[in-house]
Structure formats: structure tokens, C-alpha cells
Amino acid sequence: MFTQNHFPFPSAFQRSSLAALLTGLLALSASAKNKGDIGSPKPEGKSVQRGEIWEITGGGADISGPSDQFHFVNNSASGNCTLTAKIVSVGESGCHEWAKAGLMIRADESVGSPHATIAISYKGTLAFLTRTTPGGDTRSEKLPNATLPIFLRLERKGNDFTSSYSQDGKTWVMVGKTMTVPMKPASLAGMAVTSHYDGIACTSVFSNFVMKR
């Protein structure tokens, strides 16, 4: 049975471990830890994995400003890495237009942690979000009128972070420019969902999440 702290899928773990040995690609699976909610949003978030599909539910005010409130499904990452995933849907009818789902690399679990995030909103705006200092403001580069489903990618090289999107998973377009976010090699990397309305939950669907180290 699924629990919030662990993903009990040993067969998936064996497959992803083999993939890591052969290709350097690592998917969230039995070895992953769901660090859960950042900023104590209400209601509490949750995530369910069915094969390559993830249904992630999160509340929270936003990923913005000097502090964040959202649900984070992640694994530890050290040094350079690249995250990719297909965002199938963001919320459902009645979700806030700025509810977001995306990929994040974050220094730690504190609400004001430095981070880099590529996300798409319920209304179809892509945003490359970065916070460069603990408790500092969040910088945002936006592209409107994106359509779902959409592939997102977030890449870290040292302290430089680059985000991009693709409609077909083959041709990629950068969002904004490469941003420098000072961050120790050890970080948290994974999938993030915020409802942009603390007290209301938003469920988003991801597929084919992969971390390449």
C-alpha cells in the first residue's frame, strides 16, 4: 500500500537501478523519498504512482515571493542533473488560474530555499522561477499560451540552471535565459504542485519523469 513517505515498488526500483547502470537515467521509484509538503499547505498533499503516471495533489499559496507553499515529490541529487517530464494536466475545473505543476531543483526543504523551477499554470502560462538567496524574492520569466500536454526540462550545471519546453519531446525551446542560483552540490530534485489557493487542493498529472545525473 502506498504511504506518503515511501514508494513500495521494488520491481520498478530494480528496473530503474538497471537503467541507471546502463544509461545514467534514474526515475523516482522505490529508492525515492516523498519529502511531502513545503510550507505546511492545507490540505496536505499526496502523490500516487501508477507505472509511468504520477497523480500529484498539492495545496499551498504559491511558489513565489520570499517563501513557498506546495507539494514536492523528490529525490536527493548531487551536482549536475537534468529533469524531464511530460505534464499531462494541471488541475481540474475550478482550480485557480495560477495553479502550477512543474519540475524543481531546490537547496533544501525550508520555505525560503533557493531553487530553480520550470512550471506551467492551469491557464497555460510557462514560468521559469528562480530564487537566488534564502528568503529572497523570486524571479520569473514567463511565456503565455502554452498548451497541454507539454514536456518540461530543467538542467543544472554547477550553479547554472536552464529551463525549456517541448510540444513533441524532441524539439526544445528555452524559457528565459540561463540563471545562476548559488547552491551546494547536494540538493532536492523532483515534481512540484501548488494550487495557488491555500485551503484548496489541485491535482496534476505527470508522466515519464526522469532524472539524468
N, C-alpha and C. Protein backbone atom coordinates (compact mmCIF):
# COMPACT_ATOMS: atom_id res chain seq x y z
N MET A 1 0.85 -1.19 0.00
CA MET A 1 0.00 0.00 0.00
C MET A 1 0.88 1.23 0.00
N PHE A 2 0.47 2.24 -0.73
CA PHE A 2 1.22 3.49 -0.82
C PHE A 2 1.18 4.22 0.52
N THR A 3 2.34 4.72 0.94
CA THR A 3 2.41 5.60 2.09
C THR A 3 3.07 6.88 1.66
N GLN A 4 2.88 7.93 2.43
CA GLN A 4 3.36 9.23 1.99
C GLN A 4 4.88 9.32 2.03
N ASN A 5 5.56 8.47 2.81
CA ASN A 5 6.99 8.63 2.96
C ASN A 5 7.82 7.72 2.07
N HIS A 6 7.20 6.67 1.52
CA HIS A 6 7.96 5.74 0.71
C HIS A 6 7.12 5.26 -0.46
N PHE A 7 7.81 4.81 -1.52
CA PHE A 7 7.14 4.28 -2.69
C PHE A 7 7.47 2.80 -2.79
N PRO A 8 6.60 1.89 -2.31
CA PRO A 8 6.92 0.48 -2.25
C PRO A 8 6.70 -0.23 -3.58
N PHE A 9 7.59 0.05 -4.54
CA PHE A 9 7.50 -0.59 -5.83
C PHE A 9 8.85 -1.24 -6.16
N PRO A 10 9.21 -2.38 -5.52
CA PRO A 10 10.53 -2.95 -5.71
C PRO A 10 10.84 -3.31 -7.15
N SER A 11 9.86 -3.76 -7.91
CA SER A 11 10.15 -4.11 -9.29
C SER A 11 10.55 -2.88 -10.09
N ALA A 12 9.87 -1.75 -9.84
CA ALA A 12 10.23 -0.51 -10.50
C ALA A 12 11.62 -0.08 -10.08
N PHE A 13 11.95 -0.27 -8.81
CA PHE A 13 13.27 0.08 -8.33
C PHE A 13 14.35 -0.73 -9.03
N GLN A 14 14.10 -2.02 -9.20
CA GLN A 14 15.07 -2.85 -9.88
C GLN A 14 15.26 -2.38 -11.32
N ARG A 15 14.16 -2.04 -11.99
CA ARG A 15 14.27 -1.57 -13.36
C ARG A 15 15.03 -0.26 -13.44
N SER A 16 14.72 0.69 -12.52
CA SER A 16 15.39 1.98 -12.59
C SER A 16 16.86 1.85 -12.20
N SER A 17 17.20 0.93 -11.29
CA SER A 17 18.59 0.72 -10.93
C SER A 17 19.37 0.19 -12.13
N LEU A 18 18.76 -0.73 -12.88
CA LEU A 18 19.41 -1.25 -14.07
C LEU A 18 19.58 -0.14 -15.10
N ALA A 19 18.53 0.68 -15.25
CA ALA A 19 18.62 1.79 -16.20
C ALA A 19 19.74 2.75 -15.81
N ALA A 20 19.89 2.98 -14.49
CA ALA A 20 20.94 3.88 -14.04
C ALA A 20 22.32 3.34 -14.40
N LEU A 21 22.49 2.03 -14.25
CA LEU A 21 23.77 1.42 -14.57
C LEU A 21 24.06 1.50 -16.06
N LEU A 22 23.01 1.33 -16.88
CA LEU A 22 23.22 1.24 -18.33
C LEU A 22 23.21 2.61 -19.00
N THR A 23 22.41 3.53 -18.52
CA THR A 23 22.22 4.78 -19.25
C THR A 23 22.44 6.03 -18.42
N GLY A 24 22.54 5.90 -17.10
CA GLY A 24 22.68 7.09 -16.25
C GLY A 24 21.35 7.76 -15.98
N LEU A 25 20.25 7.16 -16.41
CA LEU A 25 18.93 7.74 -16.17
C LEU A 25 18.34 7.13 -14.91
N LEU A 26 17.73 7.97 -14.07
CA LEU A 26 17.16 7.48 -12.82
C LEU A 26 15.75 8.04 -12.68
N ALA A 27 14.78 7.17 -12.51
CA ALA A 27 13.40 7.60 -12.32
C ALA A 27 13.04 7.49 -10.85
N LEU A 28 12.16 8.35 -10.36
CA LEU A 28 11.67 8.23 -9.00
C LEU A 28 10.96 6.90 -8.85
N SER A 29 11.32 6.14 -7.82
CA SER A 29 10.71 4.83 -7.63
C SER A 29 10.86 4.44 -6.18
N ALA A 30 11.18 3.16 -5.91
CA ALA A 30 11.25 2.70 -4.53
C ALA A 30 12.34 3.39 -3.75
N SER A 31 13.41 3.84 -4.42
CA SER A 31 14.50 4.49 -3.71
C SER A 31 14.21 5.95 -3.42
N ALA A 32 13.15 6.49 -4.01
CA ALA A 32 12.82 7.90 -3.82
C ALA A 32 12.13 8.12 -2.50
N LYS A 33 12.25 9.32 -1.99
CA LYS A 33 11.53 9.73 -0.79
C LYS A 33 10.63 10.89 -1.14
N ASN A 34 9.39 10.77 -0.74
CA ASN A 34 8.45 11.86 -0.93
C ASN A 34 8.62 12.81 0.25
N LYS A 35 9.35 13.91 0.04
CA LYS A 35 9.60 14.83 1.14
C LYS A 35 8.32 15.53 1.57
N GLY A 36 7.31 15.50 0.70
CA GLY A 36 6.00 15.98 1.07
C GLY A 36 5.83 17.48 0.98
N ASP A 37 5.08 18.02 1.90
CA ASP A 37 4.68 19.41 1.82
C ASP A 37 5.80 20.36 2.25
N ILE A 38 5.91 21.45 1.53
CA ILE A 38 6.78 22.55 1.89
C ILE A 38 5.89 23.71 2.32
N GLY A 39 6.12 24.23 3.52
CA GLY A 39 5.35 25.37 3.99
C GLY A 39 4.02 25.01 4.61
N SER A 40 3.79 23.75 4.94
CA SER A 40 2.56 23.29 5.62
C SER A 40 1.28 23.75 4.95
N PRO A 41 1.11 23.49 3.65
CA PRO A 41 -0.15 23.86 2.99
C PRO A 41 -1.31 23.01 3.48
N LYS A 42 -2.50 23.54 3.33
CA LYS A 42 -3.72 22.82 3.67
C LYS A 42 -4.61 22.75 2.44
N PRO A 43 -5.21 21.60 2.15
CA PRO A 43 -4.99 20.32 2.82
C PRO A 43 -3.61 19.75 2.49
N GLU A 44 -3.21 18.71 3.22
CA GLU A 44 -1.93 18.09 2.95
C GLU A 44 -1.93 17.48 1.55
N GLY A 45 -0.77 17.51 0.92
CA GLY A 45 -0.66 16.95 -0.42
C GLY A 45 -0.45 15.45 -0.40
N LYS A 46 -0.53 14.86 -1.57
CA LYS A 46 -0.29 13.43 -1.70
C LYS A 46 0.10 13.13 -3.14
N SER A 47 0.64 11.94 -3.34
CA SER A 47 1.00 11.52 -4.69
C SER A 47 0.79 10.03 -4.84
N VAL A 48 0.39 9.63 -6.03
CA VAL A 48 0.16 8.22 -6.35
C VAL A 48 0.84 7.92 -7.67
N GLN A 49 1.61 6.85 -7.71
CA GLN A 49 2.28 6.43 -8.92
C GLN A 49 1.62 5.18 -9.48
N ARG A 50 1.30 5.22 -10.77
CA ARG A 50 0.79 4.05 -11.48
C ARG A 50 1.63 3.87 -12.74
N GLY A 51 2.64 3.02 -12.63
CA GLY A 51 3.57 2.87 -13.74
C GLY A 51 4.32 4.16 -13.99
N GLU A 52 4.22 4.70 -15.21
CA GLU A 52 4.90 5.94 -15.55
C GLU A 52 4.06 7.18 -15.27
N ILE A 53 2.86 6.98 -14.74
CA ILE A 53 1.94 8.09 -14.46
C ILE A 53 2.00 8.45 -12.98
N TRP A 54 2.10 9.74 -12.72
CA TRP A 54 2.04 10.27 -11.36
C TRP A 54 0.86 11.22 -11.24
N GLU A 55 0.01 10.99 -10.24
CA GLU A 55 -1.04 11.93 -9.88
C GLU A 55 -0.61 12.62 -8.59
N ILE A 56 -0.35 13.91 -8.67
CA ILE A 56 0.18 14.66 -7.54
C ILE A 56 -0.80 15.75 -7.14
N THR A 57 -1.19 15.72 -5.88
CA THR A 57 -2.16 16.68 -5.35
C THR A 57 -1.45 17.60 -4.37
N GLY A 58 -1.60 18.90 -4.57
CA GLY A 58 -0.98 19.87 -3.68
C GLY A 58 -1.87 21.05 -3.41
N GLY A 59 -1.73 21.61 -2.23
CA GLY A 59 -2.37 22.87 -1.89
C GLY A 59 -1.32 23.96 -1.93
N GLY A 60 -1.51 24.98 -1.11
CA GLY A 60 -0.48 26.00 -0.97
C GLY A 60 -0.75 27.28 -1.70
N ALA A 61 -0.20 28.37 -1.14
CA ALA A 61 -0.45 29.70 -1.68
C ALA A 61 0.25 29.91 -3.01
N ASP A 62 1.49 29.41 -3.17
CA ASP A 62 2.20 29.60 -4.43
C ASP A 62 3.66 29.19 -4.27
N ILE A 63 4.37 29.18 -5.40
CA ILE A 63 5.83 29.13 -5.43
C ILE A 63 6.24 30.50 -5.95
N SER A 64 6.53 31.40 -5.03
CA SER A 64 6.71 32.79 -5.41
C SER A 64 7.19 33.60 -4.22
N GLY A 65 7.60 34.85 -4.48
CA GLY A 65 7.99 35.76 -3.40
C GLY A 65 9.13 35.22 -2.57
N PRO A 66 9.16 35.53 -1.26
CA PRO A 66 10.25 35.09 -0.40
C PRO A 66 10.05 33.71 0.21
N SER A 67 8.87 33.10 0.03
CA SER A 67 8.62 31.77 0.61
C SER A 67 7.61 31.02 -0.23
N ASP A 68 7.63 29.69 -0.10
CA ASP A 68 6.81 28.82 -0.95
C ASP A 68 5.88 27.95 -0.11
N GLN A 69 4.83 27.50 -0.76
CA GLN A 69 3.87 26.61 -0.13
C GLN A 69 3.32 25.69 -1.22
N PHE A 70 3.68 24.40 -1.16
CA PHE A 70 3.35 23.48 -2.26
C PHE A 70 3.65 22.04 -1.84
N HIS A 71 3.35 21.10 -2.74
CA HIS A 71 3.69 19.70 -2.50
C HIS A 71 4.84 19.31 -3.43
N PHE A 72 5.82 18.57 -2.87
CA PHE A 72 7.07 18.28 -3.57
C PHE A 72 7.37 16.79 -3.49
N VAL A 73 7.40 16.13 -4.64
CA VAL A 73 7.79 14.73 -4.73
C VAL A 73 9.20 14.71 -5.30
N ASN A 74 10.18 14.23 -4.52
CA ASN A 74 11.56 14.44 -4.93
C ASN A 74 12.49 13.36 -4.46
N ASN A 75 13.70 13.43 -4.96
CA ASN A 75 14.79 12.57 -4.55
C ASN A 75 16.01 13.46 -4.33
N SER A 76 17.01 12.93 -3.66
CA SER A 76 18.25 13.69 -3.49
C SER A 76 19.02 13.71 -4.80
N ALA A 77 19.70 14.81 -5.05
CA ALA A 77 20.54 14.94 -6.24
C ALA A 77 21.83 15.61 -5.81
N SER A 78 22.93 15.22 -6.43
CA SER A 78 24.22 15.80 -6.10
C SER A 78 24.90 16.28 -7.37
N GLY A 79 25.13 17.58 -7.44
CA GLY A 79 25.82 18.13 -8.60
C GLY A 79 24.92 18.25 -9.81
N ASN A 80 25.52 18.12 -10.98
CA ASN A 80 24.79 18.32 -12.23
C ASN A 80 23.70 17.28 -12.41
N CYS A 81 22.57 17.71 -12.94
CA CYS A 81 21.49 16.77 -13.25
C CYS A 81 20.51 17.44 -14.22
N THR A 82 19.71 16.61 -14.89
CA THR A 82 18.68 17.09 -15.80
C THR A 82 17.38 16.36 -15.49
N LEU A 83 16.31 17.12 -15.29
CA LEU A 83 14.98 16.56 -15.06
C LEU A 83 14.13 16.75 -16.31
N THR A 84 13.38 15.74 -16.67
CA THR A 84 12.40 15.87 -17.74
C THR A 84 11.10 15.17 -17.32
N ALA A 85 9.99 15.68 -17.81
CA ALA A 85 8.69 15.05 -17.57
C ALA A 85 7.68 15.63 -18.53
N LYS A 86 6.64 14.87 -18.77
CA LYS A 86 5.50 15.33 -19.55
C LYS A 86 4.40 15.73 -18.57
N ILE A 87 3.92 16.96 -18.68
CA ILE A 87 2.80 17.41 -17.86
C ILE A 87 1.53 17.16 -18.67
N VAL A 88 0.73 16.25 -18.19
CA VAL A 88 -0.47 15.84 -18.91
C VAL A 88 -1.62 16.79 -18.62
N SER A 89 -1.77 17.17 -17.36
CA SER A 89 -2.85 18.08 -16.98
C SER A 89 -2.46 18.84 -15.73
N VAL A 90 -3.05 20.02 -15.55
CA VAL A 90 -2.84 20.84 -14.36
C VAL A 90 -4.20 21.15 -13.77
N GLY A 91 -4.52 20.49 -12.69
CA GLY A 91 -5.78 20.74 -12.01
C GLY A 91 -6.99 20.31 -12.82
N GLU A 92 -8.13 20.76 -12.36
CA GLU A 92 -9.40 20.43 -12.97
C GLU A 92 -10.29 21.67 -12.93
N SER A 93 -11.47 21.57 -13.46
CA SER A 93 -12.37 22.72 -13.48
C SER A 93 -12.52 23.32 -12.09
N GLY A 94 -12.35 24.60 -11.98
CA GLY A 94 -12.48 25.27 -10.70
C GLY A 94 -11.16 25.58 -10.02
N CYS A 95 -10.04 25.02 -10.54
CA CYS A 95 -8.73 25.34 -9.98
C CYS A 95 -8.40 26.81 -10.26
N HIS A 96 -7.57 27.39 -9.41
CA HIS A 96 -7.11 28.75 -9.62
C HIS A 96 -6.32 28.81 -10.93
N GLU A 97 -6.46 29.90 -11.67
CA GLU A 97 -5.79 30.01 -12.96
C GLU A 97 -4.26 29.97 -12.85
N TRP A 98 -3.73 30.28 -11.65
CA TRP A 98 -2.28 30.25 -11.44
C TRP A 98 -1.82 29.03 -10.66
N ALA A 99 -2.70 28.03 -10.52
CA ALA A 99 -2.22 26.73 -10.01
C ALA A 99 -1.10 26.26 -10.93
N LYS A 100 -0.07 25.63 -10.37
CA LYS A 100 1.12 25.28 -11.15
C LYS A 100 1.54 23.83 -10.93
N ALA A 101 2.13 23.26 -11.98
CA ALA A 101 2.76 21.94 -11.90
C ALA A 101 4.06 22.01 -12.68
N GLY A 102 5.13 21.45 -12.11
CA GLY A 102 6.38 21.53 -12.84
C GLY A 102 7.51 20.77 -12.17
N LEU A 103 8.73 21.10 -12.62
CA LEU A 103 9.95 20.45 -12.15
C LEU A 103 10.77 21.45 -11.35
N MET A 104 11.39 20.95 -10.27
CA MET A 104 12.13 21.83 -9.37
C MET A 104 13.42 21.19 -8.91
N ILE A 105 14.48 22.01 -8.79
CA ILE A 105 15.70 21.65 -8.07
C ILE A 105 15.84 22.67 -6.96
N ARG A 106 15.94 22.19 -5.72
CA ARG A 106 15.81 23.04 -4.54
C ARG A 106 16.95 22.73 -3.56
N ALA A 107 17.46 23.77 -2.91
CA ALA A 107 18.57 23.57 -1.98
C ALA A 107 18.17 22.74 -0.77
N ASP A 108 16.97 22.98 -0.23
CA ASP A 108 16.53 22.25 0.97
C ASP A 108 15.03 22.39 1.11
N GLU A 109 14.50 21.93 2.26
CA GLU A 109 13.05 21.92 2.48
C GLU A 109 12.51 23.19 3.13
N SER A 110 13.36 24.16 3.43
CA SER A 110 12.87 25.39 4.05
C SER A 110 12.00 26.17 3.07
N VAL A 111 11.08 26.98 3.61
CA VAL A 111 10.11 27.68 2.76
C VAL A 111 10.77 28.72 1.86
N GLY A 112 11.91 29.27 2.30
CA GLY A 112 12.59 30.30 1.52
C GLY A 112 13.83 29.80 0.82
N SER A 113 13.91 28.51 0.60
CA SER A 113 15.10 27.91 0.00
C SER A 113 15.36 28.43 -1.41
N PRO A 114 16.65 28.63 -1.77
CA PRO A 114 16.97 28.88 -3.18
C PRO A 114 16.50 27.71 -4.05
N HIS A 115 16.03 28.02 -5.25
CA HIS A 115 15.54 26.97 -6.13
C HIS A 115 15.50 27.46 -7.57
N ALA A 116 15.35 26.51 -8.46
CA ALA A 116 15.04 26.78 -9.87
C ALA A 116 13.88 25.86 -10.24
N THR A 117 12.88 26.43 -10.91
CA THR A 117 11.65 25.69 -11.22
C THR A 117 11.15 26.07 -12.60
N ILE A 118 10.74 25.07 -13.37
CA ILE A 118 10.01 25.31 -14.61
C ILE A 118 8.62 24.73 -14.42
N ALA A 119 7.59 25.56 -14.59
CA ALA A 119 6.23 25.12 -14.30
C ALA A 119 5.26 25.69 -15.34
N ILE A 120 4.12 25.03 -15.46
CA ILE A 120 3.04 25.52 -16.30
C ILE A 120 1.81 25.70 -15.44
N SER A 121 1.09 26.79 -15.67
CA SER A 121 -0.10 27.09 -14.87
C SER A 121 -1.35 26.47 -15.49
N TYR A 122 -2.40 26.50 -14.70
CA TYR A 122 -3.70 25.99 -15.16
C TYR A 122 -4.17 26.71 -16.42
N LYS A 123 -3.88 28.00 -16.51
CA LYS A 123 -4.34 28.76 -17.68
C LYS A 123 -3.35 28.72 -18.85
N GLY A 124 -2.22 28.00 -18.68
CA GLY A 124 -1.32 27.77 -19.80
C GLY A 124 -0.15 28.72 -19.92
N THR A 125 0.30 29.31 -18.81
CA THR A 125 1.49 30.15 -18.82
C THR A 125 2.68 29.36 -18.30
N LEU A 126 3.76 29.33 -19.09
CA LEU A 126 5.00 28.73 -18.64
C LEU A 126 5.78 29.75 -17.83
N ALA A 127 6.42 29.29 -16.75
CA ALA A 127 7.21 30.20 -15.92
C ALA A 127 8.49 29.52 -15.48
N PHE A 128 9.61 30.21 -15.68
CA PHE A 128 10.90 29.78 -15.15
C PHE A 128 11.15 30.61 -13.91
N LEU A 129 11.08 29.97 -12.74
CA LEU A 129 11.14 30.65 -11.46
C LEU A 129 12.47 30.37 -10.79
N THR A 130 13.11 31.41 -10.25
CA THR A 130 14.37 31.23 -9.54
C THR A 130 14.43 32.12 -8.30
N ARG A 131 14.98 31.56 -7.23
CA ARG A 131 15.28 32.34 -6.01
C ARG A 131 16.77 32.14 -5.73
N THR A 132 17.52 33.20 -5.68
CA THR A 132 18.97 33.08 -5.62
C THR A 132 19.54 33.13 -4.20
N THR A 133 18.76 33.63 -3.24
CA THR A 133 19.23 33.71 -1.86
C THR A 133 18.14 33.21 -0.92
N PRO A 134 18.50 32.64 0.24
CA PRO A 134 17.48 32.18 1.19
C PRO A 134 16.56 33.33 1.61
N GLY A 135 15.27 33.13 1.43
CA GLY A 135 14.30 34.16 1.81
C GLY A 135 14.25 35.34 0.87
N GLY A 136 14.97 35.27 -0.24
CA GLY A 136 14.93 36.35 -1.21
C GLY A 136 13.71 36.28 -2.11
N ASP A 137 13.54 37.28 -2.93
CA ASP A 137 12.40 37.31 -3.82
C ASP A 137 12.58 36.29 -4.95
N THR A 138 11.49 35.97 -5.62
CA THR A 138 11.51 35.01 -6.72
C THR A 138 11.45 35.75 -8.04
N ARG A 139 12.37 35.41 -8.94
CA ARG A 139 12.39 35.99 -10.28
C ARG A 139 11.62 35.08 -11.21
N SER A 140 10.88 35.65 -12.15
CA SER A 140 10.03 34.86 -13.04
C SER A 140 10.18 35.30 -14.49
N GLU A 141 10.46 34.33 -15.37
CA GLU A 141 10.42 34.54 -16.82
C GLU A 141 9.21 33.77 -17.35
N LYS A 142 8.30 34.45 -18.06
CA LYS A 142 7.04 33.82 -18.43
C LYS A 142 6.84 33.77 -19.94
N LEU A 143 6.18 32.70 -20.38
CA LEU A 143 5.73 32.56 -21.76
C LEU A 143 4.26 32.18 -21.72
N PRO A 144 3.36 32.99 -22.29
CA PRO A 144 1.93 32.68 -22.25
C PRO A 144 1.53 31.71 -23.35
N ASN A 145 0.30 31.24 -23.25
CA ASN A 145 -0.36 30.49 -24.31
C ASN A 145 0.28 29.14 -24.63
N ALA A 146 0.83 28.49 -23.63
CA ALA A 146 1.30 27.11 -23.82
C ALA A 146 0.11 26.17 -23.77
N THR A 147 0.24 25.01 -24.41
CA THR A 147 -0.86 24.05 -24.44
C THR A 147 -0.42 22.72 -23.86
N LEU A 148 -1.35 22.09 -23.18
CA LEU A 148 -1.13 20.76 -22.60
C LEU A 148 -1.62 19.69 -23.56
N PRO A 149 -0.99 18.50 -23.52
CA PRO A 149 0.18 18.14 -22.71
C PRO A 149 1.44 18.80 -23.22
N ILE A 150 2.44 18.92 -22.33
CA ILE A 150 3.69 19.59 -22.69
C ILE A 150 4.84 18.93 -21.96
N PHE A 151 5.99 18.86 -22.60
CA PHE A 151 7.19 18.32 -21.98
C PHE A 151 7.99 19.47 -21.38
N LEU A 152 8.49 19.28 -20.16
CA LEU A 152 9.33 20.28 -19.50
C LEU A 152 10.69 19.67 -19.17
N ARG A 153 11.71 20.52 -19.18
CA ARG A 153 13.07 20.08 -18.85
C ARG A 153 13.75 21.15 -18.00
N LEU A 154 14.47 20.71 -16.97
CA LEU A 154 15.23 21.59 -16.10
C LEU A 154 16.62 21.01 -15.94
N GLU A 155 17.63 21.81 -16.27
CA GLU A 155 19.01 21.32 -16.27
C GLU A 155 19.89 22.15 -15.33
N ARG A 156 20.70 21.43 -14.55
CA ARG A 156 21.67 22.09 -13.67
C ARG A 156 23.08 21.75 -14.10
N LYS A 157 23.93 22.79 -14.27
CA LYS A 157 25.35 22.63 -14.49
C LYS A 157 26.07 23.55 -13.52
N GLY A 158 26.58 22.97 -12.45
CA GLY A 158 27.15 23.80 -11.39
C GLY A 158 26.06 24.62 -10.74
N ASN A 159 26.21 25.94 -10.77
CA ASN A 159 25.16 26.83 -10.25
C ASN A 159 24.33 27.47 -11.35
N ASP A 160 24.47 26.97 -12.56
CA ASP A 160 23.71 27.50 -13.68
C ASP A 160 22.53 26.58 -14.00
N PHE A 161 21.35 27.19 -14.15
CA PHE A 161 20.12 26.44 -14.38
C PHE A 161 19.45 26.93 -15.66
N THR A 162 19.02 25.98 -16.47
CA THR A 162 18.36 26.28 -17.74
C THR A 162 17.06 25.51 -17.82
N SER A 163 16.01 26.17 -18.29
CA SER A 163 14.71 25.50 -18.44
C SER A 163 14.28 25.55 -19.90
N SER A 164 13.49 24.56 -20.30
CA SER A 164 12.99 24.52 -21.67
C SER A 164 11.72 23.69 -21.72
N TYR A 165 11.01 23.82 -22.86
CA TYR A 165 9.79 23.07 -23.06
C TYR A 165 9.76 22.50 -24.47
N SER A 166 8.89 21.52 -24.67
CA SER A 166 8.73 20.91 -25.98
C SER A 166 7.30 20.41 -26.11
N GLN A 167 6.74 20.54 -27.30
CA GLN A 167 5.40 20.01 -27.54
C GLN A 167 5.43 18.56 -27.99
N ASP A 168 6.59 18.10 -28.50
CA ASP A 168 6.68 16.74 -29.01
C ASP A 168 7.75 15.89 -28.32
N GLY A 169 8.48 16.47 -27.36
CA GLY A 169 9.53 15.74 -26.68
C GLY A 169 10.82 15.64 -27.48
N LYS A 170 10.89 16.32 -28.61
CA LYS A 170 12.07 16.24 -29.47
C LYS A 170 12.71 17.61 -29.70
N THR A 171 11.89 18.59 -30.04
CA THR A 171 12.38 19.94 -30.30
C THR A 171 12.14 20.80 -29.06
N TRP A 172 13.24 21.35 -28.49
CA TRP A 172 13.16 22.06 -27.23
C TRP A 172 13.39 23.55 -27.42
N VAL A 173 12.67 24.35 -26.64
CA VAL A 173 12.76 25.81 -26.68
C VAL A 173 13.04 26.31 -25.26
N MET A 174 14.05 27.15 -25.11
CA MET A 174 14.38 27.69 -23.79
C MET A 174 13.29 28.65 -23.30
N VAL A 175 13.11 28.66 -22.00
CA VAL A 175 12.24 29.63 -21.34
C VAL A 175 13.15 30.63 -20.63
N GLY A 176 13.13 31.87 -21.08
CA GLY A 176 14.02 32.86 -20.49
C GLY A 176 15.47 32.57 -20.84
N LYS A 177 16.37 32.82 -19.89
CA LYS A 177 17.80 32.61 -20.11
C LYS A 177 18.35 31.74 -18.98
N THR A 178 19.57 31.27 -19.14
CA THR A 178 20.23 30.52 -18.08
C THR A 178 20.41 31.43 -16.86
N MET A 179 20.04 30.90 -15.69
CA MET A 179 20.10 31.67 -14.46
C MET A 179 21.10 31.04 -13.49
N THR A 180 21.83 31.89 -12.78
CA THR A 180 22.76 31.43 -11.76
C THR A 180 22.07 31.46 -10.40
N VAL A 181 22.00 30.28 -9.76
CA VAL A 181 21.41 30.16 -8.43
C VAL A 181 22.45 29.48 -7.54
N PRO A 182 23.14 30.22 -6.67
CA PRO A 182 24.14 29.60 -5.81
C PRO A 182 23.51 28.51 -4.95
N MET A 183 24.08 27.30 -5.05
CA MET A 183 23.51 26.15 -4.38
C MET A 183 24.59 25.10 -4.16
N LYS A 184 24.64 24.52 -2.98
CA LYS A 184 25.58 23.45 -2.72
C LYS A 184 25.29 22.28 -3.66
N PRO A 185 26.28 21.42 -3.91
CA PRO A 185 26.04 20.28 -4.81
C PRO A 185 24.85 19.42 -4.37
N ALA A 186 24.71 19.18 -3.07
CA ALA A 186 23.59 18.37 -2.59
C ALA A 186 22.30 19.18 -2.68
N SER A 187 21.29 18.61 -3.32
CA SER A 187 20.02 19.31 -3.50
C SER A 187 18.88 18.30 -3.52
N LEU A 188 17.66 18.82 -3.67
CA LEU A 188 16.46 18.01 -3.83
C LEU A 188 15.91 18.29 -5.22
N ALA A 189 15.50 17.26 -5.92
CA ALA A 189 15.03 17.44 -7.30
C ALA A 189 13.80 16.58 -7.54
N GLY A 190 12.79 17.15 -8.19
CA GLY A 190 11.60 16.38 -8.48
C GLY A 190 10.45 17.21 -9.02
N MET A 191 9.21 16.78 -8.67
CA MET A 191 7.99 17.35 -9.23
C MET A 191 7.26 18.17 -8.16
N ALA A 192 6.75 19.33 -8.56
CA ALA A 192 6.11 20.25 -7.64
C ALA A 192 4.71 20.62 -8.12
N VAL A 193 3.78 20.74 -7.17
CA VAL A 193 2.41 21.18 -7.48
C VAL A 193 1.95 22.15 -6.39
N THR A 194 1.43 23.30 -6.81
CA THR A 194 0.78 24.23 -5.88
C THR A 194 -0.58 24.62 -6.44
N SER A 195 -1.56 24.76 -5.55
CA SER A 195 -2.91 25.13 -6.00
C SER A 195 -3.07 26.64 -6.14
N HIS A 196 -2.12 27.42 -5.61
CA HIS A 196 -2.19 28.88 -5.59
C HIS A 196 -3.37 29.37 -4.74
N TYR A 197 -3.85 28.50 -3.87
CA TYR A 197 -5.01 28.86 -3.04
C TYR A 197 -4.96 27.96 -1.82
N ASP A 198 -4.28 28.43 -0.75
CA ASP A 198 -4.16 27.57 0.42
C ASP A 198 -5.54 27.26 0.99
N GLY A 199 -5.78 25.99 1.21
CA GLY A 199 -7.09 25.52 1.65
C GLY A 199 -7.81 24.74 0.58
N ILE A 200 -7.36 24.87 -0.67
CA ILE A 200 -7.94 24.14 -1.79
C ILE A 200 -6.85 23.28 -2.45
N ALA A 201 -7.15 22.03 -2.73
CA ALA A 201 -6.18 21.14 -3.35
C ALA A 201 -6.33 21.15 -4.87
N CYS A 202 -5.22 20.91 -5.56
CA CYS A 202 -5.19 20.83 -7.01
C CYS A 202 -4.42 19.56 -7.39
N THR A 203 -5.00 18.74 -8.26
CA THR A 203 -4.35 17.50 -8.69
C THR A 203 -3.86 17.65 -10.12
N SER A 204 -2.58 17.38 -10.32
CA SER A 204 -1.97 17.43 -11.65
C SER A 204 -1.41 16.07 -12.01
N VAL A 205 -1.33 15.81 -13.30
CA VAL A 205 -0.87 14.51 -13.79
C VAL A 205 0.43 14.68 -14.56
N PHE A 206 1.45 13.92 -14.15
CA PHE A 206 2.75 13.88 -14.80
C PHE A 206 2.95 12.49 -15.40
N SER A 207 3.81 12.40 -16.41
CA SER A 207 4.23 11.08 -16.89
C SER A 207 5.70 11.14 -17.29
N ASN A 208 6.32 9.96 -17.33
CA ASN A 208 7.68 9.81 -17.84
C ASN A 208 8.69 10.73 -17.15
N PHE A 209 8.57 10.87 -15.82
CA PHE A 209 9.56 11.66 -15.09
C PHE A 209 10.88 10.91 -15.07
N VAL A 210 11.95 11.62 -15.42
CA VAL A 210 13.30 11.03 -15.42
C VAL A 210 14.29 12.06 -14.91
N MET A 211 15.22 11.60 -14.07
CA MET A 211 16.35 12.41 -13.64
C MET A 211 17.62 11.80 -14.24
N LYS A 212 18.36 12.60 -14.95
CA LYS A 212 19.64 12.16 -15.51
C LYS A 212 20.76 12.83 -14.75
N ARG A 213 21.64 12.02 -14.19
CA ARG A 213 22.74 12.56 -13.39
C ARG A 213 24.05 12.47 -14.16
